[in-house]
Protein backbone atom coordinates (compact mmCIF):
# COMPACT_ATOMS: atom_id res chain seq x y z
CA MET A 1 34.01 -30.77 -35.49
CA MET A 2 32.91 -28.43 -38.04
CA ARG A 3 29.16 -28.25 -36.73
CA LYS A 4 30.56 -27.44 -33.26
CA SER A 5 32.45 -24.56 -35.18
CA VAL A 6 29.14 -23.12 -36.71
CA ALA A 7 27.36 -23.16 -33.59
CA ARG A 8 30.49 -21.06 -31.84
CA ILE A 9 30.44 -18.69 -35.06
CA PHE A 10 26.58 -18.06 -34.47
CA GLU A 11 27.19 -17.58 -30.66
CA HIS A 12 29.75 -14.92 -31.42
CA LEU A 13 27.60 -13.08 -34.03
CA ASP A 14 24.72 -13.06 -31.60
CA LYS A 15 26.88 -11.81 -28.83
CA GLY A 16 29.45 -9.60 -30.82
CA THR A 17 32.32 -11.56 -29.40
CA THR A 18 35.02 -13.30 -30.72
CA ASP A 19 37.73 -16.07 -29.68
CA LEU A 20 40.19 -14.53 -27.06
CA GLY A 21 43.82 -15.47 -25.88
CA ASP A 22 44.86 -14.91 -22.50
CA THR A 23 48.28 -13.48 -23.04
CA VAL A 24 49.45 -9.94 -24.15
CA TRP A 25 52.90 -10.25 -25.82
CA HIS A 26 55.60 -7.84 -26.36
CA GLU A 27 57.95 -8.60 -29.38
CA PRO A 28 61.21 -6.48 -29.56
CA VAL A 29 61.47 -4.59 -32.68
CA GLU A 30 64.99 -5.78 -33.26
CA HIS A 31 63.67 -9.16 -33.92
CA TYR A 32 62.31 -7.76 -37.15
CA HIS A 33 65.51 -6.25 -38.27
CA ALA A 34 68.64 -7.73 -36.39
CA GLN A 35 71.02 -9.98 -38.27
CA SER A 36 71.68 -12.02 -35.45
CA ARG A 37 68.09 -12.91 -34.84
CA PHE A 38 67.48 -13.52 -38.48
CA ASP A 39 70.58 -16.05 -38.38
CA ALA A 40 68.89 -17.88 -35.23
CA GLU A 41 65.49 -18.22 -37.18
CA ILE A 42 67.06 -19.59 -40.40
CA ALA A 43 69.16 -22.24 -38.27
CA LEU A 44 65.93 -23.25 -36.58
CA MET A 45 63.90 -23.48 -39.93
CA ARG A 46 66.79 -25.79 -41.15
CA ARG A 47 66.26 -27.96 -38.20
CA LEU A 48 62.59 -28.30 -38.44
CA PRO A 49 60.14 -30.23 -41.08
CA MET A 50 59.22 -27.39 -43.30
CA ALA A 51 56.58 -27.41 -46.05
CA PHE A 52 58.09 -27.05 -49.46
CA CYS A 53 55.16 -27.62 -52.05
CA PRO A 54 51.87 -29.76 -52.47
CA SER A 55 52.39 -33.21 -53.55
CA ALA A 56 50.20 -32.25 -56.74
CA ALA A 57 53.19 -30.13 -57.78
CA LEU A 58 55.13 -33.16 -58.51
CA PRO A 59 52.69 -35.24 -60.16
CA GLU A 60 54.86 -37.88 -62.21
CA LYS A 61 58.08 -39.53 -62.31
CA GLY A 62 60.75 -36.98 -62.98
CA SER A 63 58.85 -33.97 -61.69
CA TYR A 64 61.01 -31.31 -59.53
CA ILE A 65 61.09 -27.98 -58.15
CA ALA A 66 64.07 -26.23 -57.54
CA ARG A 67 64.08 -23.15 -55.27
CA THR A 68 65.85 -21.72 -52.27
CA ALA A 69 64.29 -22.57 -48.71
CA ALA A 70 65.82 -21.17 -45.38
CA LEU A 71 68.55 -19.88 -47.74
CA THR A 72 69.65 -23.35 -49.06
CA PRO A 73 69.24 -24.07 -52.82
CA LEU A 74 67.02 -27.29 -52.96
CA LEU A 75 65.99 -29.63 -55.64
CA VAL A 76 62.92 -31.89 -54.76
CA VAL A 77 62.13 -34.30 -57.44
CA ARG A 78 59.77 -37.49 -57.69
CA GLY A 79 61.79 -40.52 -58.44
CA ARG A 80 61.39 -43.50 -60.61
CA ASP A 81 59.93 -45.32 -57.77
CA LYS A 82 57.42 -42.39 -57.26
CA LYS A 83 59.04 -41.16 -53.85
CA VAL A 84 59.78 -37.91 -53.21
CA ARG A 85 63.51 -36.91 -52.73
CA ALA A 86 65.23 -33.65 -51.55
CA PHE A 87 68.56 -32.89 -52.30
CA ILE A 88 71.09 -29.74 -51.95
CA ASN A 89 71.02 -28.00 -55.34
CA ALA A 90 74.57 -28.17 -55.93
CA CYS A 91 77.16 -30.06 -58.36
CA ARG A 92 79.74 -32.21 -56.48
CA HIS A 93 82.37 -30.98 -58.78
CA ARG A 94 82.30 -27.39 -58.45
CA GLY A 95 78.96 -26.52 -56.65
CA MET A 96 76.82 -25.26 -59.74
CA GLN A 97 73.16 -25.66 -59.26
CA VAL A 98 72.11 -28.64 -61.49
CA ALA A 99 68.50 -27.53 -62.04
CA GLY A 100 66.45 -24.53 -61.85
CA GLY A 101 62.49 -23.59 -61.56
CA SER A 102 60.45 -26.41 -62.33
CA GLY A 103 59.44 -28.96 -64.75
CA CYS A 104 60.07 -32.86 -65.66
CA SER A 105 63.23 -34.43 -66.51
CA ALA A 106 64.82 -38.00 -66.64
CA ALA A 107 68.18 -36.52 -65.14
CA PHE A 108 69.91 -33.38 -63.98
CA VAL A 109 72.77 -32.32 -66.08
CA CYS A 110 75.12 -29.61 -64.30
CA PRO A 111 75.14 -26.81 -66.91
CA TYR A 112 78.47 -25.82 -66.01
CA HIS A 113 80.84 -29.02 -66.83
CA ALA A 114 77.95 -31.55 -67.39
CA TRP A 115 78.18 -33.92 -64.75
CA THR A 116 74.99 -35.90 -64.75
CA TYR A 117 72.86 -37.02 -61.91
CA ASP A 118 69.74 -39.32 -61.99
CA LEU A 119 66.35 -38.66 -60.16
CA GLU A 120 67.74 -40.47 -57.09
CA GLY A 121 70.87 -38.04 -56.96
CA GLN A 122 73.31 -40.71 -58.17
CA LEU A 123 76.20 -39.28 -60.20
CA LYS A 124 76.14 -41.25 -63.54
CA ASN A 125 78.25 -39.50 -65.85
CA ILE A 126 81.63 -37.25 -65.98
CA PRO A 127 82.95 -36.19 -69.03
CA GLY A 128 86.55 -36.63 -69.16
CA PRO A 129 86.78 -39.22 -66.32
CA GLU A 130 90.37 -39.56 -66.62
CA ALA A 131 90.68 -36.16 -64.91
CA PHE A 132 89.07 -37.24 -61.90
CA PRO A 133 90.59 -40.67 -60.82
CA ASP A 134 89.84 -40.31 -57.39
CA VAL A 135 86.30 -39.43 -57.73
CA ASP A 136 84.08 -42.41 -56.60
CA LYS A 137 80.76 -42.04 -58.45
CA ASP A 138 78.86 -44.04 -55.82
CA GLU A 139 80.10 -41.76 -53.17
CA SER A 140 79.73 -38.59 -55.21
CA GLY A 141 75.63 -38.39 -55.61
CA LEU A 142 73.91 -35.16 -54.73
CA VAL A 143 73.79 -34.68 -51.13
CA GLU A 144 70.26 -35.74 -50.02
CA ILE A 145 68.18 -34.22 -46.78
CA SER A 146 65.01 -35.52 -45.52
CA ALA A 147 61.87 -35.46 -47.25
CA MET A 148 58.11 -37.00 -46.45
CA GLU A 149 54.96 -36.54 -47.77
CA LYS A 150 51.78 -36.09 -45.58
CA GLY A 151 48.33 -35.12 -46.47
CA GLY A 152 49.39 -33.77 -49.83
CA ILE A 153 52.06 -31.86 -48.95
CA VAL A 154 56.03 -32.25 -49.27
CA TYR A 155 57.94 -31.52 -46.37
CA VAL A 156 61.52 -31.48 -46.23
CA GLN A 157 64.03 -30.98 -43.26
CA GLN A 158 67.53 -29.94 -43.99
CA GLU A 159 69.33 -31.17 -40.81
CA GLY A 160 68.41 -34.27 -39.11
CA ASP A 161 65.84 -37.02 -39.66
CA LEU A 162 62.29 -36.07 -40.61
CA GLU A 163 60.20 -38.62 -38.46
CA PRO A 164 56.33 -39.18 -38.94
CA SER A 165 55.98 -38.08 -35.25
CA MET A 166 57.12 -34.50 -36.23
CA LEU A 167 54.21 -33.79 -38.42
CA ARG A 168 51.43 -35.35 -35.88
CA HIS A 169 49.88 -31.72 -35.77
CA HIS A 170 49.54 -31.61 -39.51
CA PHE A 171 46.44 -32.33 -41.18
CA ASP A 172 45.83 -33.92 -44.64
CA PHE A 173 45.16 -30.96 -46.47
CA PHE A 174 44.98 -32.06 -50.33
CA SER A 175 43.69 -35.17 -51.90
CA ASP A 176 45.46 -37.05 -54.96
CA ALA A 177 42.30 -35.72 -57.15
CA GLN A 178 43.03 -32.02 -56.71
CA GLU A 179 44.85 -29.89 -59.45
CA MET A 180 47.41 -27.41 -58.94
CA PHE A 181 46.54 -24.62 -61.35
CA ARG A 182 49.09 -21.75 -60.16
CA THR A 183 52.41 -21.12 -58.99
CA THR A 184 53.60 -17.44 -57.78
CA GLN A 185 56.73 -15.97 -56.37
CA ARG A 186 57.07 -12.28 -55.23
CA GLU A 187 59.62 -10.53 -53.04
CA GLU A 188 58.57 -7.76 -50.75
CA ASP A 189 60.58 -5.40 -48.36
CA ALA A 190 59.22 -6.70 -45.04
CA ASN A 191 60.56 -9.34 -42.42
CA TRP A 192 58.79 -12.68 -42.82
CA LYS A 193 56.94 -12.52 -39.66
CA LEU A 194 55.36 -9.02 -40.45
CA LEU A 195 53.84 -10.71 -43.39
CA THR A 196 52.92 -13.81 -41.49
CA GLU A 197 51.26 -11.72 -38.71
CA THR A 198 48.77 -10.06 -41.33
CA THR A 199 47.20 -13.42 -41.90
CA LEU A 200 46.54 -14.72 -38.29
CA GLU A 201 43.98 -12.16 -36.95
CA GLY A 202 40.71 -10.40 -38.05
CA TYR A 203 41.04 -7.49 -35.57
CA HIS A 204 41.99 -5.42 -38.78
CA ILE A 205 39.50 -6.48 -41.19
CA LYS A 206 37.15 -3.53 -41.10
CA SER A 207 39.81 -0.71 -40.79
CA LEU A 208 42.47 -2.08 -43.37
CA HIS A 209 40.15 -4.14 -45.84
CA LYS A 210 37.16 -1.66 -45.71
CA GLU A 211 36.42 -1.75 -49.47
CA SER A 212 37.70 -5.41 -50.09
CA PHE A 213 37.06 -8.08 -47.55
CA PHE A 214 34.92 -6.12 -45.12
CA PRO A 215 31.80 -5.91 -47.55
CA PHE A 216 31.84 -9.66 -47.47
CA GLY A 217 33.45 -10.56 -44.28
CA LEU A 218 32.95 -9.81 -40.30
CA ASP A 219 35.34 -7.39 -38.37
CA ASN A 220 37.02 -9.32 -35.43
CA ILE A 221 34.74 -12.38 -35.36
CA ASN A 222 36.83 -15.33 -35.65
CA LEU A 223 37.52 -18.90 -34.10
CA VAL A 224 41.18 -19.32 -33.04
CA GLU A 225 42.53 -22.69 -32.24
CA THR A 226 46.14 -23.68 -31.35
CA VAL A 227 47.76 -27.01 -31.19
CA GLY A 228 51.14 -26.98 -30.35
CA ALA A 229 53.04 -24.28 -32.40
CA ASN A 230 50.42 -24.33 -34.96
CA SER A 231 47.06 -22.61 -35.26
CA ARG A 232 43.91 -22.61 -37.13
CA ILE A 233 41.83 -19.27 -37.70
CA ILE A 234 38.38 -19.19 -38.88
CA PHE A 235 37.17 -16.13 -40.82
CA PRO A 236 33.24 -16.28 -41.38
CA PHE A 237 31.50 -14.36 -44.02
CA ARG A 238 28.34 -12.32 -43.74
CA ARG A 239 26.51 -15.15 -45.62
CA MET A 240 26.99 -17.42 -42.76
CA GLU A 241 23.44 -15.98 -41.70
CA LYS A 242 21.89 -17.82 -44.48
CA LEU A 243 22.67 -21.08 -42.78
CA ARG A 244 20.73 -20.31 -39.52
CA ASP A 245 17.62 -22.18 -40.41
CA VAL A 246 19.29 -24.89 -42.43
CA ALA A 247 19.39 -28.26 -40.53
CA PRO A 248 23.26 -28.88 -39.48
CA ALA A 249 23.65 -32.09 -41.64
CA LYS A 250 22.81 -30.06 -44.75
CA ARG A 251 24.89 -27.14 -44.47
CA HIS A 252 27.33 -26.55 -47.17
CA LEU A 253 30.03 -24.25 -45.69
CA ASN A 254 31.76 -23.64 -49.16
CA GLY A 255 31.82 -19.76 -49.63
CA ALA A 256 30.70 -19.26 -45.85
CA MET A 257 34.17 -19.09 -44.39
CA THR A 258 37.75 -19.14 -44.84
CA SER A 259 39.82 -21.39 -42.89
CA LEU A 260 43.71 -20.53 -42.49
CA TYR A 261 46.07 -23.28 -40.97
CA HIS A 262 49.18 -21.89 -39.75
CA LEU A 263 51.92 -24.32 -40.15
CA PHE A 264 54.92 -23.09 -37.42
CA PRO A 265 56.90 -21.23 -38.18
CA ASN A 266 56.30 -19.72 -41.83
CA THR A 267 53.92 -21.64 -43.63
CA SER A 268 50.12 -21.14 -44.24
CA VAL A 269 47.35 -23.42 -45.91
CA SER A 270 44.29 -20.87 -46.82
CA VAL A 271 41.06 -22.91 -47.83
CA LEU A 272 38.94 -20.57 -49.71
CA SER A 273 35.54 -20.83 -51.47
CA LYS A 274 36.94 -22.43 -54.55
CA HIS A 275 40.60 -22.75 -54.16
CA THR A 276 43.39 -23.53 -51.58
CA SER A 277 46.76 -21.69 -51.36
CA LEU A 278 49.96 -23.19 -49.60
CA SER A 279 52.08 -20.24 -49.07
CA ILE A 280 55.77 -20.11 -47.55
CA MET A 281 56.89 -16.71 -46.38
CA GLU A 282 61.02 -17.46 -47.48
CA PRO A 283 63.36 -15.33 -45.53
CA VAL A 284 65.83 -13.65 -47.77
CA SER A 285 67.03 -11.01 -45.35
CA PRO A 286 66.06 -9.59 -42.38
CA GLY A 287 63.94 -6.88 -44.34
CA ARG A 288 63.07 -9.03 -47.26
CA THR A 289 60.87 -11.92 -48.07
CA ARG A 290 60.12 -14.14 -50.93
CA ILE A 291 56.44 -15.24 -50.77
CA VAL A 292 56.13 -18.49 -52.76
CA SER A 293 52.44 -20.02 -53.15
CA TYR A 294 51.07 -23.12 -54.69
CA LEU A 295 47.42 -22.89 -55.60
CA VAL A 296 44.93 -25.96 -55.86
CA VAL A 297 41.51 -26.45 -56.95
CA ASN A 298 39.46 -27.13 -54.01
CA ARG A 299 37.91 -30.65 -53.44
CA GLN A 300 34.96 -31.67 -55.82
CA THR A 301 31.56 -32.80 -54.04
CA PRO A 302 28.34 -33.90 -55.93
CA GLU A 303 26.69 -30.71 -54.63
CA HIS A 304 29.58 -28.36 -55.23
CA GLU A 305 31.23 -28.89 -58.44
CA ILE A 306 34.46 -26.46 -58.96
CA SER A 307 35.98 -25.66 -62.54
CA LEU A 308 39.15 -24.28 -63.09
CA GLU A 309 37.87 -21.00 -64.07
CA ASP A 310 35.90 -20.81 -60.87
CA ALA A 311 39.25 -21.23 -58.95
CA GLU A 312 41.11 -18.84 -60.94
CA ARG A 313 38.52 -16.17 -60.30
CA ASP A 314 38.61 -17.07 -56.64
CA ALA A 315 42.26 -16.41 -56.54
CA ASP A 316 42.15 -13.34 -58.46
CA PHE A 317 40.00 -11.69 -55.94
CA VAL A 318 41.90 -12.53 -53.31
CA THR A 319 45.13 -11.41 -54.68
CA THR A 320 43.62 -8.25 -56.05
CA ALA A 321 41.61 -7.27 -52.82
CA GLY A 322 42.98 -8.00 -49.49
CA LEU A 323 46.50 -9.49 -50.13
CA GLU A 324 47.83 -6.25 -51.54
CA GLU A 325 46.59 -4.46 -48.70
CA ASP A 326 48.06 -6.93 -46.13
CA ILE A 327 51.66 -6.89 -47.75
CA ALA A 328 51.30 -2.89 -47.88
CA ALA A 329 50.93 -2.66 -44.02
CA ALA A 330 53.79 -5.19 -43.50
CA ARG A 331 55.96 -3.19 -45.61
CA ALA A 332 54.96 0.09 -43.82
CA ILE A 333 55.55 -1.57 -40.51
CA GLN A 334 59.04 -2.66 -41.64
CA GLU A 335 60.19 1.11 -42.21
CA THR A 336 59.43 1.86 -38.44
CA VAL A 337 60.75 -1.06 -36.37
CA ARG A 338 64.20 0.64 -36.82
CA GLY A 339 63.01 3.94 -35.65
CA PRO A 340 62.54 5.21 -31.94
CA ALA A 341 58.80 5.10 -31.81
CA ASN A 342 58.56 1.41 -30.49
CA SER A 343 60.86 -0.75 -28.37
CA HIS A 344 58.34 -3.70 -29.00
CA LEU A 345 55.16 -4.57 -31.10
CA THR A 346 52.30 -5.53 -28.80
CA PHE A 347 49.72 -8.41 -29.43
CA GLY A 348 46.62 -8.66 -27.13
CA TYR A 349 43.99 -10.99 -26.57
CA PHE A 350 42.36 -10.81 -30.31
CA GLU A 351 45.95 -11.77 -31.61
CA LYS A 352 46.09 -15.29 -30.20
CA ALA A 353 47.73 -16.91 -33.10
CA ILE A 354 50.22 -14.60 -33.31
CA VAL A 355 51.18 -14.89 -29.69
CA ASN A 356 51.28 -18.60 -30.14
CA LEU A 357 53.88 -17.76 -33.22
CA HIS A 358 55.90 -15.77 -30.91
CA SER A 359 55.97 -17.68 -27.90
CA HIS A 360 57.12 -20.81 -29.90
CA LEU A 361 59.81 -19.01 -31.60
CA ALA A 362 61.24 -17.75 -28.07
CA GLN A 363 60.80 -21.19 -26.93
CA LYS A 364 62.96 -22.80 -29.66
CA ILE A 365 65.40 -20.16 -30.15
CA GLU A 366 66.09 -18.01 -27.10
CA PRO A 367 67.49 -20.65 -24.71
CA SER A 368 69.97 -21.75 -27.26
CA GLY A 369 70.76 -18.12 -28.46
């Protein structure tokens, strides 16, 4: 598959072309600021299997992450049986969140009144039980939601049951041997879709990233493939030219391209030279988004050993260069979507993956909206 991709990249380089879509999409600007649309998107995210974190973020029994997803406080933990479970992060007494941040614990003790839950979410202790004669501890555990691991990623689904068939278009991204080395969170004044759109096309590389990515990359030369609601975009680098005279079986593509996998609706897996990032655009409000990213060292091969320092330098370059420019662009657009200039935003043939995102949002939201 990758050999065919390299051949297609060389064909585009020789012809000055890129992969094209076949649809021009007009997305109404109110979809970036209307509360009703935002509420419908949150409801959809709660019905879908959503990437929550890499499996490497929960390396041992008792490892947990507590954060908000689709506006719901969640607690995801690896149990004593090594199975990952997900719960609504709310004590069954007065609703206090029983954990925060991430770490490793043998139990979760509510900081309000010390009701205690085990790693499987069962209520184990109530201080002063005589005051709660009608509380059945067996029926008062943390409320569990569906969770599943596939390909090194933990997925959660807040409503309904997550079935393996729902993840049939999701690749095996991470191996057990890979190390997670960084977690970041930041909030930005932009709709989650605007931030997602910046990652899904290479039409802007030369104009927006003239001094950051463009000296190393190519402008508007991409491979774009869609599988259902998901997409893969390959961003080749200039150093691809060095591979022309190398036998296909001996080509090493590390450092020659970035592959970005968009997992509908708000998650991306970006495979870079030395590290891979799992990033989730968590909606906070119509005009604000929390970007949650987990960074993992790339797979090791005999020909390419990657140190932690290599991965950290790779991540620092991406963060300080093009990422900041993308985020600034999304913030600037957010300031205009309420104004009179445009009734819609336009996405053309170069923006096939963005059209795929919006068309599937429309299919899943508007018939019921």
